[in-house]
Amino acid sequence: MQVVQVVVPLGVGLGGAVVAGWLAEASYLITGGGAVHWDWEGLPVLVGSAVGVLVVAGVASVPMVRRHVDPEHIRRD
């Protein structure tokens, strides 16, 4: 469950970043920005990189599984 708490928000953020980037580029091109268009051929690399980030984040959060925060340590600080 802790891995899911790391991966899901990160996945939503990465998906939002890809969509926001695409929309920003599209609006730039619509307003007469330039001759460069959205590169659909680069999309698999972008999605693969996002999935790689999610995998690394999930693996990195595994050591924290089953560790509990002791409230006494928080109260002392």
N, C-alpha and C. Protein backbone atom coordinates (compact mmCIF):
# COMPACT_ATOMS: atom_id res chain seq x y z
N MET A 1 0.81 -1.19 0.00
CA MET A 1 0.00 0.00 0.00
C MET A 1 0.87 1.26 0.00
N GLN A 2 2.00 1.20 0.69
CA GLN A 2 2.88 2.37 0.73
C GLN A 2 3.48 2.65 -0.64
N VAL A 3 3.78 1.60 -1.39
CA VAL A 3 4.31 1.78 -2.74
C VAL A 3 3.26 2.44 -3.62
N VAL A 4 2.02 2.04 -3.46
CA VAL A 4 0.92 2.63 -4.24
C VAL A 4 0.78 4.12 -3.90
N GLN A 5 0.97 4.47 -2.62
CA GLN A 5 0.87 5.86 -2.21
C GLN A 5 1.96 6.72 -2.83
N VAL A 6 3.05 6.12 -3.24
CA VAL A 6 4.11 6.85 -3.92
C VAL A 6 3.86 6.89 -5.42
N VAL A 7 3.51 5.76 -5.99
CA VAL A 7 3.43 5.61 -7.45
C VAL A 7 2.21 6.31 -8.05
N VAL A 8 1.06 6.23 -7.41
CA VAL A 8 -0.16 6.79 -8.00
C VAL A 8 -0.09 8.32 -8.15
N PRO A 9 0.25 9.07 -7.08
CA PRO A 9 0.33 10.53 -7.29
C PRO A 9 1.42 10.92 -8.30
N LEU A 10 2.53 10.18 -8.28
CA LEU A 10 3.59 10.47 -9.24
C LEU A 10 3.12 10.19 -10.66
N GLY A 11 2.39 9.11 -10.86
CA GLY A 11 1.85 8.77 -12.18
C GLY A 11 0.86 9.80 -12.67
N VAL A 12 0.01 10.27 -11.77
CA VAL A 12 -0.95 11.32 -12.15
C VAL A 12 -0.21 12.59 -12.53
N GLY A 13 0.80 12.94 -11.77
CA GLY A 13 1.58 14.14 -12.07
C GLY A 13 2.33 14.03 -13.39
N LEU A 14 2.93 12.87 -13.64
CA LEU A 14 3.65 12.69 -14.91
C LEU A 14 2.68 12.71 -16.10
N GLY A 15 1.54 12.09 -15.94
CA GLY A 15 0.53 12.13 -17.01
C GLY A 15 0.06 13.55 -17.27
N GLY A 16 -0.18 14.29 -16.20
CA GLY A 16 -0.57 15.69 -16.34
C GLY A 16 0.50 16.53 -16.99
N ALA A 17 1.75 16.23 -16.67
CA ALA A 17 2.86 16.98 -17.27
C ALA A 17 2.94 16.73 -18.78
N VAL A 18 2.75 15.50 -19.18
CA VAL A 18 2.79 15.18 -20.62
C VAL A 18 1.64 15.88 -21.35
N VAL A 19 0.45 15.80 -20.77
CA VAL A 19 -0.71 16.44 -21.42
C VAL A 19 -0.55 17.96 -21.43
N ALA A 20 -0.09 18.54 -20.32
CA ALA A 20 0.09 19.99 -20.27
C ALA A 20 1.16 20.45 -21.26
N GLY A 21 2.22 19.68 -21.39
CA GLY A 21 3.25 20.01 -22.37
C GLY A 21 2.72 19.95 -23.79
N TRP A 22 1.91 18.94 -24.07
CA TRP A 22 1.33 18.82 -25.40
C TRP A 22 0.40 19.98 -25.67
N LEU A 23 -0.43 20.34 -24.69
CA LEU A 23 -1.35 21.46 -24.89
C LEU A 23 -0.60 22.79 -25.04
N ALA A 24 0.46 22.96 -24.27
CA ALA A 24 1.24 24.20 -24.39
C ALA A 24 1.88 24.31 -25.76
N GLU A 25 2.41 23.19 -26.25
CA GLU A 25 3.02 23.22 -27.58
C GLU A 25 1.97 23.45 -28.65
N ALA A 26 0.81 22.80 -28.50
CA ALA A 26 -0.25 22.98 -29.49
C ALA A 26 -0.73 24.43 -29.51
N SER A 27 -0.90 25.04 -28.34
CA SER A 27 -1.36 26.43 -28.33
C SER A 27 -0.29 27.37 -28.88
N TYR A 28 0.97 27.05 -28.67
CA TYR A 28 2.06 27.86 -29.23
C TYR A 28 2.05 27.79 -30.75
N LEU A 29 1.82 26.58 -31.27
CA LEU A 29 1.80 26.42 -32.72
C LEU A 29 0.56 27.06 -33.34
N ILE A 30 -0.56 27.00 -32.64
CA ILE A 30 -1.80 27.59 -33.16
C ILE A 30 -1.68 29.10 -33.27
N THR A 31 -0.98 29.70 -32.30
CA THR A 31 -0.84 31.16 -32.32
C THR A 31 0.29 31.62 -33.23
N GLY A 32 0.81 30.74 -34.03
CA GLY A 32 1.84 31.13 -35.00
C GLY A 32 3.25 31.02 -34.48
N GLY A 33 3.47 30.07 -33.59
CA GLY A 33 4.77 29.92 -32.95
C GLY A 33 5.89 29.50 -33.89
N GLY A 34 5.78 28.36 -34.49
CA GLY A 34 6.88 27.89 -35.32
C GLY A 34 6.47 26.72 -36.19
N ALA A 35 7.45 26.17 -36.89
CA ALA A 35 7.19 25.10 -37.83
C ALA A 35 7.31 23.72 -37.19
N VAL A 36 7.73 23.65 -35.94
CA VAL A 36 7.90 22.36 -35.26
C VAL A 36 6.55 21.90 -34.74
N HIS A 37 6.21 20.65 -35.03
CA HIS A 37 4.94 20.08 -34.59
C HIS A 37 5.20 19.01 -33.56
N TRP A 38 4.14 18.62 -32.85
CA TRP A 38 4.24 17.57 -31.84
C TRP A 38 4.82 16.32 -32.49
N ASP A 39 5.84 15.80 -31.86
CA ASP A 39 6.55 14.64 -32.40
C ASP A 39 5.92 13.36 -31.84
N TRP A 40 5.03 12.77 -32.62
CA TRP A 40 4.37 11.55 -32.16
C TRP A 40 5.35 10.39 -32.10
N GLU A 41 6.44 10.46 -32.87
CA GLU A 41 7.42 9.38 -32.84
C GLU A 41 8.19 9.37 -31.52
N GLY A 42 8.28 10.51 -30.87
CA GLY A 42 8.99 10.58 -29.60
C GLY A 42 8.12 10.23 -28.41
N LEU A 43 6.82 10.05 -28.63
CA LEU A 43 5.90 9.76 -27.54
C LEU A 43 6.21 8.43 -26.84
N PRO A 44 6.54 7.36 -27.55
CA PRO A 44 6.89 6.12 -26.84
C PRO A 44 8.10 6.28 -25.92
N VAL A 45 9.06 7.07 -26.33
CA VAL A 45 10.23 7.31 -25.48
C VAL A 45 9.81 8.09 -24.23
N LEU A 46 8.96 9.08 -24.41
CA LEU A 46 8.47 9.88 -23.29
C LEU A 46 7.66 9.03 -22.32
N VAL A 47 6.77 8.21 -22.84
CA VAL A 47 5.95 7.33 -21.99
C VAL A 47 6.84 6.28 -21.32
N GLY A 48 7.80 5.75 -22.05
CA GLY A 48 8.74 4.78 -21.47
C GLY A 48 9.56 5.38 -20.35
N SER A 49 9.96 6.62 -20.52
CA SER A 49 10.71 7.30 -19.46
C SER A 49 9.83 7.52 -18.23
N ALA A 50 8.59 7.90 -18.45
CA ALA A 50 7.66 8.09 -17.33
C ALA A 50 7.43 6.78 -16.59
N VAL A 51 7.27 5.70 -17.31
CA VAL A 51 7.09 4.39 -16.68
C VAL A 51 8.36 4.00 -15.92
N GLY A 52 9.52 4.31 -16.49
CA GLY A 52 10.79 4.04 -15.80
C GLY A 52 10.89 4.80 -14.49
N VAL A 53 10.45 6.04 -14.49
CA VAL A 53 10.45 6.84 -13.26
C VAL A 53 9.52 6.21 -12.23
N LEU A 54 8.35 5.74 -12.67
CA LEU A 54 7.41 5.10 -11.75
C LEU A 54 7.99 3.81 -11.17
N VAL A 55 8.67 3.03 -11.99
CA VAL A 55 9.28 1.79 -11.51
C VAL A 55 10.37 2.09 -10.49
N VAL A 56 11.23 3.05 -10.79
CA VAL A 56 12.30 3.40 -9.86
C VAL A 56 11.73 3.92 -8.55
N ALA A 57 10.70 4.75 -8.62
CA ALA A 57 10.07 5.27 -7.41
C ALA A 57 9.43 4.15 -6.60
N GLY A 58 8.81 3.21 -7.27
CA GLY A 58 8.20 2.07 -6.57
C GLY A 58 9.24 1.20 -5.90
N VAL A 59 10.33 0.91 -6.61
CA VAL A 59 11.40 0.10 -6.03
C VAL A 59 12.07 0.84 -4.87
N ALA A 60 12.25 2.13 -5.02
CA ALA A 60 12.89 2.92 -3.96
C ALA A 60 12.03 3.01 -2.71
N SER A 61 10.73 2.88 -2.84
CA SER A 61 9.86 2.96 -1.67
C SER A 61 9.66 1.62 -0.98
N VAL A 62 10.12 0.53 -1.58
CA VAL A 62 9.95 -0.80 -0.99
C VAL A 62 10.65 -0.92 0.38
N PRO A 63 11.85 -0.38 0.58
CA PRO A 63 12.47 -0.51 1.91
C PRO A 63 11.66 0.12 3.04
N MET A 64 10.76 1.01 2.73
CA MET A 64 9.94 1.65 3.77
C MET A 64 8.70 0.84 4.12
N VAL A 65 8.46 -0.25 3.41
CA VAL A 65 7.28 -1.07 3.68
C VAL A 65 7.44 -1.71 5.06
N ARG A 66 6.38 -1.72 5.81
CA ARG A 66 6.28 -2.28 7.15
C ARG A 66 7.06 -1.50 8.20
N ARG A 67 7.50 -0.32 7.89
CA ARG A 67 8.11 0.52 8.90
C ARG A 67 7.06 1.49 9.39
N HIS A 68 6.96 1.60 10.66
CA HIS A 68 5.95 2.45 11.26
C HIS A 68 6.62 3.59 12.01
N VAL A 69 6.00 4.73 11.97
CA VAL A 69 6.51 5.89 12.70
C VAL A 69 6.07 5.77 14.15
N ASP A 70 7.03 5.88 15.05
CA ASP A 70 6.72 5.82 16.47
C ASP A 70 6.30 7.22 16.93
N PRO A 71 5.07 7.39 17.36
CA PRO A 71 4.61 8.72 17.78
C PRO A 71 5.44 9.33 18.90
N GLU A 72 6.07 8.50 19.71
CA GLU A 72 6.90 9.02 20.81
C GLU A 72 8.10 9.80 20.27
N HIS A 73 8.66 9.38 19.16
CA HIS A 73 9.79 10.10 18.56
C HIS A 73 9.35 11.47 18.05
N ILE A 74 8.14 11.54 17.54
CA ILE A 74 7.63 12.82 17.03
C ILE A 74 7.37 13.78 18.19
N ARG A 75 6.83 13.27 19.28
CA ARG A 75 6.51 14.11 20.42
C ARG A 75 7.76 14.69 21.07
N ARG A 76 8.85 13.95 21.05
CA ARG A 76 10.10 14.43 21.64
C ARG A 76 10.66 15.62 20.89
N ASP A 77 10.47 15.63 19.58
CA ASP A 77 11.03 16.72 18.78
C ASP A 77 10.15 17.93 18.92
